[in-house]
Amino acid sequence: MYTTYRLKTDELGEDFLDSLRALFKDKTIEIAVCEAEAEAEADDETAYLLRSQANRKRLMEAIENVRHGHTVQVDFNNPT
């Protein structure tokens, strides 16, 4: 699951943490923080990939593969 929050720093409080805890109950999460204006100016990799019809098709196929449990495990410590 992927969720984006856009809020001001003075809105960060216990309610925000409670919403994270409820949404991602018993899960390990990763939090990345950036200034909203900087994010808008940056060229998002996913948006870049979605601009091309071929890339968009490949990305959507990959998402469906993951949803159906069709994944490949790679051991970078033992390349074959």
PDB file of N, CA and C in Angstrom:
ATOM      1  N   MET A   1       0.845  -1.168   0.000  1.00  0.00           N
ATOM      2  CA  MET A   1       0.000   0.000   0.000  1.00  0.00           C
ATOM      3  C   MET A   1       0.891   1.231   0.000  1.00  0.00           C
ATOM      4  N   TYR A   2       0.459   2.251  -0.677  1.00  0.00           N
ATOM      5  CA  TYR A   2       1.193   3.504  -0.767  1.00  0.00           C
ATOM      6  C   TYR A   2       0.229   4.633  -0.454  1.00  0.00           C
ATOM      7  N   THR A   3       0.583   5.484   0.469  1.00  0.00           N
ATOM      8  CA  THR A   3      -0.264   6.609   0.856  1.00  0.00           C
ATOM      9  C   THR A   3       0.578   7.870   0.919  1.00  0.00           C
ATOM     10  N   THR A   4       0.037   8.957   0.419  1.00  0.00           N
ATOM     11  CA  THR A   4       0.730  10.241   0.467  1.00  0.00           C
ATOM     12  C   THR A   4      -0.036  11.183   1.375  1.00  0.00           C
ATOM     13  N   TYR A   5       0.665  11.801   2.283  1.00  0.00           N
ATOM     14  CA  TYR A   5       0.099  12.830   3.145  1.00  0.00           C
ATOM     15  C   TYR A   5       0.739  14.151   2.767  1.00  0.00           C
ATOM     16  N   ARG A   6      -0.035  15.193   2.697  1.00  0.00           N
ATOM     17  CA  ARG A   6       0.494  16.531   2.469  1.00  0.00           C
ATOM     18  C   ARG A   6      -0.066  17.405   3.583  1.00  0.00           C
ATOM     19  N   LEU A   7       0.820  17.857   4.472  1.00  0.00           N
ATOM     20  CA  LEU A   7       0.379  18.659   5.586  1.00  0.00           C
ATOM     21  C   LEU A   7       1.484  19.583   6.056  1.00  0.00           C
ATOM     22  N   LYS A   8       1.098  20.545   6.835  1.00  0.00           N
ATOM     23  CA  LYS A   8       2.055  21.500   7.395  1.00  0.00           C
ATOM     24  C   LYS A   8       2.676  20.891   8.651  1.00  0.00           C
ATOM     25  N   THR A   9       3.915  21.290   8.948  1.00  0.00           N
ATOM     26  CA  THR A   9       4.609  20.708  10.088  1.00  0.00           C
ATOM     27  C   THR A   9       3.876  20.935  11.401  1.00  0.00           C
ATOM     28  N   ASP A  10       3.142  22.052  11.526  1.00  0.00           N
ATOM     29  CA  ASP A  10       2.413  22.272  12.777  1.00  0.00           C
ATOM     30  C   ASP A  10       1.185  21.365  12.895  1.00  0.00           C
ATOM     31  N   GLU A  11       0.856  20.617  11.838  1.00  0.00           N
ATOM     32  CA  GLU A  11      -0.245  19.662  11.890  1.00  0.00           C
ATOM     33  C   GLU A  11       0.233  18.268  12.327  1.00  0.00           C
ATOM     34  N   LEU A  12       1.540  18.092  12.452  1.00  0.00           N
ATOM     35  CA  LEU A  12       2.074  16.817  12.906  1.00  0.00           C
ATOM     36  C   LEU A  12       1.811  16.672  14.395  1.00  0.00           C
ATOM     37  N   GLY A  13       1.101  15.654  14.731  1.00  0.00           N
ATOM     38  CA  GLY A  13       0.769  15.446  16.139  1.00  0.00           C
ATOM     39  C   GLY A  13       0.362  14.009  16.366  1.00  0.00           C
ATOM     40  N   GLU A  14      -0.180  13.763  17.510  1.00  0.00           N
ATOM     41  CA  GLU A  14      -0.587  12.405  17.883  1.00  0.00           C
ATOM     42  C   GLU A  14      -1.666  11.865  16.943  1.00  0.00           C
ATOM     43  N   ASP A  15      -2.567  12.741  16.457  1.00  0.00           N
ATOM     44  CA  ASP A  15      -3.613  12.290  15.525  1.00  0.00           C
ATOM     45  C   ASP A  15      -3.003  11.725  14.250  1.00  0.00           C
ATOM     46  N   PHE A  16      -1.959  12.379  13.759  1.00  0.00           N
ATOM     47  CA  PHE A  16      -1.282  11.903  12.552  1.00  0.00           C
ATOM     48  C   PHE A  16      -0.668  10.529  12.801  1.00  0.00           C
ATOM     49  N   LEU A  17       0.028  10.392  13.922  1.00  0.00           N
ATOM     50  CA  LEU A  17       0.631   9.095  14.252  1.00  0.00           C
ATOM     51  C   LEU A  17      -0.432   8.020  14.440  1.00  0.00           C
ATOM     52  N   ASP A  18      -1.538   8.376  15.071  1.00  0.00           N
ATOM     53  CA  ASP A  18      -2.632   7.418  15.248  1.00  0.00           C
ATOM     54  C   ASP A  18      -3.185   6.951  13.908  1.00  0.00           C
ATOM     55  N   SER A  19      -3.297   7.879  12.939  1.00  0.00           N
ATOM     56  CA  SER A  19      -3.812   7.488  11.620  1.00  0.00           C
ATOM     57  C   SER A  19      -2.836   6.540  10.921  1.00  0.00           C
ATOM     58  N   LEU A  20      -1.532   6.793  11.071  1.00  0.00           N
ATOM     59  CA  LEU A  20      -0.539   5.877  10.494  1.00  0.00           C
ATOM     60  C   LEU A  20      -0.631   4.500  11.134  1.00  0.00           C
ATOM     61  N   ARG A  21      -0.736   4.484  12.453  1.00  0.00           N
ATOM     62  CA  ARG A  21      -0.839   3.203  13.164  1.00  0.00           C
ATOM     63  C   ARG A  21      -2.081   2.426  12.723  1.00  0.00           C
ATOM     64  N   ALA A  22      -3.189   3.105  12.538  1.00  0.00           N
ATOM     65  CA  ALA A  22      -4.421   2.436  12.131  1.00  0.00           C
ATOM     66  C   ALA A  22      -4.340   1.935  10.695  1.00  0.00           C
ATOM     67  N   LEU A  23      -3.784   2.742   9.826  1.00  0.00           N
ATOM     68  CA  LEU A  23      -3.718   2.390   8.409  1.00  0.00           C
ATOM     69  C   LEU A  23      -2.741   1.249   8.149  1.00  0.00           C
ATOM     70  N   PHE A  24      -1.610   1.241   8.853  1.00  0.00           N
ATOM     71  CA  PHE A  24      -0.564   0.248   8.620  1.00  0.00           C
ATOM     72  C   PHE A  24      -0.386  -0.655   9.839  1.00  0.00           C
ATOM     73  N   LYS A  25      -1.471  -1.064  10.434  1.00  0.00           N
ATOM     74  CA  LYS A  25      -1.453  -1.862  11.665  1.00  0.00           C
ATOM     75  C   LYS A  25      -0.493  -3.047  11.559  1.00  0.00           C
ATOM     76  N   ASP A  26       0.411  -3.126  12.522  1.00  0.00           N
ATOM     77  CA  ASP A  26       1.366  -4.237  12.652  1.00  0.00           C
ATOM     78  C   ASP A  26       2.266  -4.421  11.438  1.00  0.00           C
ATOM     79  N   LYS A  27       2.502  -3.372  10.673  1.00  0.00           N
ATOM     80  CA  LYS A  27       3.376  -3.440   9.493  1.00  0.00           C
ATOM     81  C   LYS A  27       4.626  -2.612   9.721  1.00  0.00           C
ATOM     82  N   THR A  28       5.695  -2.976   9.051  1.00  0.00           N
ATOM     83  CA  THR A  28       6.880  -2.133   9.019  1.00  0.00           C
ATOM     84  C   THR A  28       6.673  -1.124   7.907  1.00  0.00           C
ATOM     85  N   ILE A  29       6.870   0.142   8.206  1.00  0.00           N
ATOM     86  CA  ILE A  29       6.649   1.180   7.198  1.00  0.00           C
ATOM     87  C   ILE A  29       7.940   1.958   6.958  1.00  0.00           C
ATOM     88  N   GLU A  30       7.973   2.637   5.847  1.00  0.00           N
ATOM     89  CA  GLU A  30       9.085   3.511   5.497  1.00  0.00           C
ATOM     90  C   GLU A  30       8.520   4.899   5.285  1.00  0.00           C
ATOM     91  N   ILE A  31       9.147   5.884   5.887  1.00  0.00           N
ATOM     92  CA  ILE A  31       8.668   7.260   5.772  1.00  0.00           C
ATOM     93  C   ILE A  31       9.750   8.106   5.120  1.00  0.00           C
ATOM     94  N   ALA A  32       9.395   8.769   4.027  1.00  0.00           N
ATOM     95  CA  ALA A  32      10.304   9.701   3.345  1.00  0.00           C
ATOM     96  C   ALA A  32       9.674  11.077   3.434  1.00  0.00           C
ATOM     97  N   VAL A  33      10.475  12.077   3.736  1.00  0.00           N
ATOM     98  CA  VAL A  33       9.952  13.434   3.921  1.00  0.00           C
ATOM     99  C   VAL A  33      10.659  14.382   2.969  1.00  0.00           C
ATOM    100  N   CYS A  34       9.882  15.226   2.303  1.00  0.00           N
ATOM    101  CA  CYS A  34      10.445  16.263   1.465  1.00  0.00           C
ATOM    102  C   CYS A  34       9.531  17.477   1.539  1.00  0.00           C
ATOM    103  N   GLU A  35      10.077  18.601   1.199  1.00  0.00           N
ATOM    104  CA  GLU A  35       9.283  19.819   1.147  1.00  0.00           C
ATOM    105  C   GLU A  35       8.341  19.714  -0.047  1.00  0.00           C
ATOM    106  N   ALA A  36       7.069  20.006   0.129  1.00  0.00           N
ATOM    107  CA  ALA A  36       6.060  19.813  -0.911  1.00  0.00           C
ATOM    108  C   ALA A  36       6.410  20.557  -2.187  1.00  0.00           C
ATOM    109  N   GLU A  37       6.905  21.775  -2.086  1.00  0.00           N
ATOM    110  CA  GLU A  37       7.256  22.526  -3.285  1.00  0.00           C
ATOM    111  C   GLU A  37       8.401  21.852  -4.026  1.00  0.00           C
ATOM    112  N   ALA A  38       9.364  21.324  -3.293  1.00  0.00           N
ATOM    113  CA  ALA A  38      10.492  20.636  -3.917  1.00  0.00           C
ATOM    114  C   ALA A  38      10.008  19.380  -4.628  1.00  0.00           C
ATOM    115  N   GLU A  39       9.048  18.685  -4.034  1.00  0.00           N
ATOM    116  CA  GLU A  39       8.503  17.479  -4.646  1.00  0.00           C
ATOM    117  C   GLU A  39       7.810  17.811  -5.962  1.00  0.00           C
ATOM    118  N   ALA A  40       7.064  18.898  -5.990  1.00  0.00           N
ATOM    119  CA  ALA A  40       6.344  19.282  -7.196  1.00  0.00           C
ATOM    120  C   ALA A  40       7.304  19.620  -8.322  1.00  0.00           C
ATOM    121  N   GLU A  41       8.457  20.157  -7.991  1.00  0.00           N
ATOM    122  CA  GLU A  41       9.426  20.540  -9.007  1.00  0.00           C
ATOM    123  C   GLU A  41      10.244  19.353  -9.500  1.00  0.00           C
ATOM    124  N   ALA A  42      10.389  18.346  -8.672  1.00  0.00           N
ATOM    125  CA  ALA A  42      11.205  17.191  -9.044  1.00  0.00           C
ATOM    126  C   ALA A  42      10.481  16.369 -10.102  1.00  0.00           C
ATOM    127  N   ASP A  43      11.262  15.713 -10.965  1.00  0.00           N
ATOM    128  CA  ASP A  43      10.680  14.851 -11.990  1.00  0.00           C
ATOM    129  C   ASP A  43      10.551  13.457 -11.400  1.00  0.00           C
ATOM    130  N   ASP A  44       9.355  13.088 -10.992  1.00  0.00           N
ATOM    131  CA  ASP A  44       9.077  11.813 -10.365  1.00  0.00           C
ATOM    132  C   ASP A  44       9.358  10.665 -11.341  1.00  0.00           C
ATOM    133  N   GLU A  45      10.067   9.637 -10.877  1.00  0.00           N
ATOM    134  CA  GLU A  45      10.442   8.528 -11.755  1.00  0.00           C
ATOM    135  C   GLU A  45       9.221   7.792 -12.302  1.00  0.00           C
ATOM    136  N   THR A  46       8.224   7.582 -11.462  1.00  0.00           N
ATOM    137  CA  THR A  46       7.025   6.878 -11.926  1.00  0.00           C
ATOM    138  C   THR A  46       6.305   7.702 -12.977  1.00  0.00           C
ATOM    139  N   ALA A  47       6.175   9.009 -12.763  1.00  0.00           N
ATOM    140  CA  ALA A  47       5.532   9.870 -13.748  1.00  0.00           C
ATOM    141  C   ALA A  47       6.304   9.833 -15.062  1.00  0.00           C
ATOM    142  N   TYR A  48       7.619   9.804 -14.974  1.00  0.00           N
ATOM    143  CA  TYR A  48       8.452   9.720 -16.173  1.00  0.00           C
ATOM    144  C   TYR A  48       8.166   8.429 -16.928  1.00  0.00           C
ATOM    145  N   LEU A  49       8.108   7.318 -16.206  1.00  0.00           N
ATOM    146  CA  LEU A  49       7.846   6.027 -16.850  1.00  0.00           C
ATOM    147  C   LEU A  49       6.452   5.984 -17.477  1.00  0.00           C
ATOM    148  N   LEU A  50       5.493   6.622 -16.842  1.00  0.00           N
ATOM    149  CA  LEU A  50       4.114   6.577 -17.340  1.00  0.00           C
ATOM    150  C   LEU A  50       3.897   7.437 -18.578  1.00  0.00           C
ATOM    151  N   ARG A  51       4.840   8.292 -18.929  1.00  0.00           N
ATOM    152  CA  ARG A  51       4.684   9.141 -20.117  1.00  0.00           C
ATOM    153  C   ARG A  51       4.727   8.334 -21.408  1.00  0.00           C
ATOM    154  N   SER A  52       5.489   7.274 -21.414  1.00  0.00           N
ATOM    155  CA  SER A  52       5.606   6.430 -22.603  1.00  0.00           C
ATOM    156  C   SER A  52       4.586   5.303 -22.516  1.00  0.00           C
ATOM    157  N   GLN A  53       3.849   5.071 -23.607  1.00  0.00           N
ATOM    158  CA  GLN A  53       2.844   4.014 -23.601  1.00  0.00           C
ATOM    159  C   GLN A  53       3.481   2.648 -23.356  1.00  0.00           C
ATOM    160  N   ALA A  54       4.633   2.386 -23.947  1.00  0.00           N
ATOM    161  CA  ALA A  54       5.316   1.099 -23.760  1.00  0.00           C
ATOM    162  C   ALA A  54       5.758   0.934 -22.303  1.00  0.00           C
ATOM    163  N   ASN A  55       6.337   1.981 -21.729  1.00  0.00           N
ATOM    164  CA  ASN A  55       6.754   1.908 -20.331  1.00  0.00           C
ATOM    165  C   ASN A  55       5.559   1.764 -19.401  1.00  0.00           C
ATOM    166  N   ARG A  56       4.489   2.495 -19.697  1.00  0.00           N
ATOM    167  CA  ARG A  56       3.273   2.421 -18.880  1.00  0.00           C
ATOM    168  C   ARG A  56       2.719   0.998 -18.879  1.00  0.00           C
ATOM    169  N   LYS A  57       2.677   0.385 -20.062  1.00  0.00           N
ATOM    170  CA  LYS A  57       2.177  -0.993 -20.173  1.00  0.00           C
ATOM    171  C   LYS A  57       3.046  -1.944 -19.357  1.00  0.00           C
ATOM    172  N   ARG A  58       4.360  -1.809 -19.462  1.00  0.00           N
ATOM    173  CA  ARG A  58       5.285  -2.680 -18.738  1.00  0.00           C
ATOM    174  C   ARG A  58       5.152  -2.485 -17.229  1.00  0.00           C
ATOM    175  N   LEU A  59       5.026  -1.240 -16.781  1.00  0.00           N
ATOM    176  CA  LEU A  59       4.881  -0.956 -15.363  1.00  0.00           C
ATOM    177  C   LEU A  59       3.581  -1.541 -14.818  1.00  0.00           C
ATOM    178  N   MET A  60       2.492  -1.382 -15.548  1.00  0.00           N
ATOM    179  CA  MET A  60       1.200  -1.926 -15.108  1.00  0.00           C
ATOM    180  C   MET A  60       1.236  -3.458 -15.055  1.00  0.00           C
ATOM    181  N   GLU A  61       1.911  -4.081 -16.026  1.00  0.00           N
ATOM    182  CA  GLU A  61       2.067  -5.533 -16.005  1.00  0.00           C
ATOM    183  C   GLU A  61       2.870  -5.977 -14.786  1.00  0.00           C
ATOM    184  N   ALA A  62       3.911  -5.233 -14.466  1.00  0.00           N
ATOM    185  CA  ALA A  62       4.733  -5.566 -13.301  1.00  0.00           C
ATOM    186  C   ALA A  62       3.921  -5.443 -12.009  1.00  0.00           C
ATOM    187  N   ILE A  63       3.096  -4.421 -11.907  1.00  0.00           N
ATOM    188  CA  ILE A  63       2.255  -4.243 -10.728  1.00  0.00           C
ATOM    189  C   ILE A  63       1.290  -5.417 -10.595  1.00  0.00           C
ATOM    190  N   GLU A  64       0.682  -5.823 -11.688  1.00  0.00           N
ATOM    191  CA  GLU A  64      -0.233  -6.964 -11.658  1.00  0.00           C
ATOM    192  C   GLU A  64       0.497  -8.247 -11.269  1.00  0.00           C
ATOM    193  N   ASN A  65       1.708  -8.433 -11.771  1.00  0.00           N
ATOM    194  CA  ASN A  65       2.497  -9.612 -11.398  1.00  0.00           C
ATOM    195  C   ASN A  65       2.722  -9.665  -9.895  1.00  0.00           C
ATOM    196  N   VAL A  66       3.070  -8.543  -9.302  1.00  0.00           N
ATOM    197  CA  VAL A  66       3.301  -8.496  -7.861  1.00  0.00           C
ATOM    198  C   VAL A  66       2.004  -8.777  -7.117  1.00  0.00           C
ATOM    199  N   ARG A  67       0.901  -8.200  -7.576  1.00  0.00           N
ATOM    200  CA  ARG A  67      -0.401  -8.435  -6.918  1.00  0.00           C
ATOM    201  C   ARG A  67      -0.780  -9.908  -6.919  1.00  0.00           C
ATOM    202  N   HIS A  68      -0.378 -10.613  -7.960  1.00  0.00           N
ATOM    203  CA  HIS A  68      -0.706 -12.033  -8.064  1.00  0.00           C
ATOM    204  C   HIS A  68       0.387 -12.933  -7.505  1.00  0.00           C
ATOM    205  N   GLY A  69       1.382 -12.333  -6.867  1.00  0.00           N
ATOM    206  CA  GLY A  69       2.435 -13.114  -6.232  1.00  0.00           C
ATOM    207  C   GLY A  69       3.484 -13.642  -7.184  1.00  0.00           C
ATOM    208  N   HIS A  70       3.510 -13.140  -8.408  1.00  0.00           N
ATOM    209  CA  HIS A  70       4.498 -13.564  -9.400  1.00  0.00           C
ATOM    210  C   HIS A  70       5.720 -12.663  -9.282  1.00  0.00           C
ATOM    211  N   THR A  71       6.634 -13.046  -8.421  1.00  0.00           N
ATOM    212  CA  THR A  71       7.833 -12.253  -8.192  1.00  0.00           C
ATOM    213  C   THR A  71       9.072 -13.109  -8.398  1.00  0.00           C
ATOM    214  N   VAL A  72      10.196 -12.473  -8.541  1.00  0.00           N
ATOM    215  CA  VAL A  72      11.478 -13.156  -8.703  1.00  0.00           C
ATOM    216  C   VAL A  72      12.376 -12.702  -7.575  1.00  0.00           C
ATOM    217  N   GLN A  73      13.012 -13.654  -6.917  1.00  0.00           N
ATOM    218  CA  GLN A  73      13.928 -13.334  -5.832  1.00  0.00           C
ATOM    219  C   GLN A  73      15.353 -13.387  -6.360  1.00  0.00           C
ATOM    220  N   VAL A  74      16.142 -12.368  -6.084  1.00  0.00           N
ATOM    221  CA  VAL A  74      17.513 -12.291  -6.565  1.00  0.00           C
ATOM    222  C   VAL A  74      18.451 -12.217  -5.366  1.00  0.00           C
ATOM    223  N   ASP A  75      19.478 -13.065  -5.385  1.00  0.00           N
ATOM    224  CA  ASP A  75      20.499 -13.040  -4.339  1.00  0.00           C
ATOM    225  C   ASP A  75      21.720 -12.325  -4.918  1.00  0.00           C
ATOM    226  N   PHE A  76      21.891 -11.065  -4.551  1.00  0.00           N
ATOM    227  CA  PHE A  76      22.997 -10.273  -5.080  1.00  0.00           C
ATOM    228  C   PHE A  76      24.347 -10.715  -4.513  1.00  0.00           C
ATOM    229  N   ASN A  77      24.320 -11.474  -3.433  1.00  0.00           N
ATOM    230  CA  ASN A  77      25.564 -11.980  -2.862  1.00  0.00           C
ATOM    231  C   ASN A  77      26.060 -13.234  -3.569  1.00  0.00           C
ATOM    232  N   ASN A  78      25.191 -13.866  -4.351  1.00  0.00           N
ATOM    233  CA  ASN A  78      25.557 -15.093  -5.044  1.00  0.00           C
ATOM    234  C   ASN A  78      25.014 -15.051  -6.473  1.00  0.00           C
ATOM    235  N   PRO A  79      25.582 -14.199  -7.335  1.00  0.00           N
ATOM    236  CA  PRO A  79      25.059 -14.082  -8.707  1.00  0.00           C
ATOM    237  C   PRO A  79      25.294 -15.380  -9.481  1.00  0.00           C
ATOM    238  N   THR A  80      24.339 -15.692 -10.351  1.00  0.00           N
ATOM    239  CA  THR A  80      24.468 -16.920 -11.156  1.00  0.00           C
ATOM    240  C   THR A  80      24.696 -16.578 -12.605  1.00  0.00           C
TER     241      THR A  80
END
